[in-house]
Amino acid sequence: MPAQEIVMESLKKLEYRGYDSSGIATKEDKIRICKKEGPISNMESELSESSSTTAIAH
């Protein structure tokens, strides 16, 4: 499972704890950063399929 999918699942578990924004950074050949306000689905829809094994999210 790509790292992006793992951290997105973790963010979804935190979604209803009052956070109003989220972000994720993945690394393949370069670092990609995506930050969005609102529901995590707003960010998820803009992320392309990635096979990265490195990701961090907040």
C-alpha atoms as a PDB file:
ATOM      1  CA  MET A   1       0.000   0.000   0.000  1.00  0.00           C
ATOM      2  CA  PRO A   2       1.451   3.416  -0.944  1.00  0.00           C
ATOM      3  CA  ALA A   3       2.364   5.676   1.982  1.00  0.00           C
ATOM      4  CA  GLN A   4      -0.117   8.300   0.761  1.00  0.00           C
ATOM      5  CA  GLU A   5      -3.040   5.924   1.328  1.00  0.00           C
ATOM      6  CA  ILE A   6      -1.859   5.059   4.845  1.00  0.00           C
ATOM      7  CA  VAL A   7      -1.578   8.676   5.998  1.00  0.00           C
ATOM      8  CA  MET A   8      -4.878   9.636   4.325  1.00  0.00           C
ATOM      9  CA  GLU A   9      -6.657   6.894   6.290  1.00  0.00           C
ATOM     10  CA  SER A  10      -5.096   8.253   9.493  1.00  0.00           C
ATOM     11  CA  LEU A  11      -6.234  11.789   8.656  1.00  0.00           C
ATOM     12  CA  LYS A  12      -9.785  10.553   8.129  1.00  0.00           C
ATOM     13  CA  LYS A  13      -9.759   9.161  11.679  1.00  0.00           C
ATOM     14  CA  LEU A  14      -8.861  12.634  12.990  1.00  0.00           C
ATOM     15  CA  GLU A  15     -11.289  14.543  10.760  1.00  0.00           C
ATOM     16  CA  TYR A  16     -14.102  14.841  13.288  1.00  0.00           C
ATOM     17  CA  ARG A  17     -11.913  16.179  16.097  1.00  0.00           C
ATOM     18  CA  GLY A  18     -12.367  19.817  15.163  1.00  0.00           C
ATOM     19  CA  TYR A  19      -9.542  20.280  12.656  1.00  0.00           C
ATOM     20  CA  ASP A  20     -10.468  22.598   9.791  1.00  0.00           C
ATOM     21  CA  SER A  21      -7.526  21.969   7.457  1.00  0.00           C
ATOM     22  CA  SER A  22      -5.051  19.248   6.561  1.00  0.00           C
ATOM     23  CA  GLY A  23      -1.946  18.675   4.504  1.00  0.00           C
ATOM     24  CA  ILE A  24       0.173  15.880   3.119  1.00  0.00           C
ATOM     25  CA  ALA A  25       3.680  15.707   1.673  1.00  0.00           C
ATOM     26  CA  THR A  26       4.903  12.752  -0.376  1.00  0.00           C
ATOM     27  CA  LYS A  27       8.299  12.045  -1.898  1.00  0.00           C
ATOM     28  CA  GLU A  28       9.071  10.167  -5.071  1.00  0.00           C
ATOM     29  CA  ASP A  29      11.456  11.964  -7.429  1.00  0.00           C
ATOM     30  CA  LYS A  30      10.561  15.256  -5.698  1.00  0.00           C
ATOM     31  CA  ILE A  31       8.524  16.375  -2.697  1.00  0.00           C
ATOM     32  CA  ARG A  32       4.847  17.087  -3.446  1.00  0.00           C
ATOM     33  CA  ILE A  33       2.797  19.103  -0.961  1.00  0.00           C
ATOM     34  CA  CYS A  34      -0.971  19.444  -0.859  1.00  0.00           C
ATOM     35  CA  LYS A  35      -2.808  21.572   1.740  1.00  0.00           C
ATOM     36  CA  LYS A  36      -6.537  22.235   1.927  1.00  0.00           C
ATOM     37  CA  GLU A  37      -9.131  23.760   4.215  1.00  0.00           C
ATOM     38  CA  GLY A  38     -12.344  21.910   4.934  1.00  0.00           C
ATOM     39  CA  PRO A  39     -13.043  18.185   4.714  1.00  0.00           C
ATOM     40  CA  ILE A  40     -10.228  15.790   3.897  1.00  0.00           C
ATOM     41  CA  SER A  41     -12.122  14.776   0.768  1.00  0.00           C
ATOM     42  CA  ASN A  42     -11.239  18.241  -0.646  1.00  0.00           C
ATOM     43  CA  MET A  43      -7.565  17.325  -0.528  1.00  0.00           C
ATOM     44  CA  GLU A  44      -7.995  13.680  -1.467  1.00  0.00           C
ATOM     45  CA  SER A  45      -9.638  14.534  -4.780  1.00  0.00           C
ATOM     46  CA  GLU A  46      -6.582  16.572  -5.874  1.00  0.00           C
ATOM     47  CA  LEU A  47      -3.994  13.917  -5.090  1.00  0.00           C
ATOM     48  CA  SER A  48      -3.004  11.689  -7.962  1.00  0.00           C
ATOM     49  CA  GLU A  49      -2.115   8.044  -7.610  1.00  0.00           C
ATOM     50  CA  SER A  50       1.301   7.745  -6.059  1.00  0.00           C
ATOM     51  CA  SER A  51       3.569   4.817  -5.347  1.00  0.00           C
ATOM     52  CA  SER A  52       5.601   6.778  -2.820  1.00  0.00           C
ATOM     53  CA  THR A  53       6.893   4.917   0.212  1.00  0.00           C
ATOM     54  CA  THR A  54       7.426   8.173   2.142  1.00  0.00           C
ATOM     55  CA  ALA A  55       4.658  10.510   3.318  1.00  0.00           C
ATOM     56  CA  ILE A  56       3.796  12.774   6.227  1.00  0.00           C
ATOM     57  CA  ALA A  57       0.504  14.458   7.033  1.00  0.00           C
ATOM     58  CA  HIS A  58      -1.113  16.853   9.499  1.00  0.00           C
END
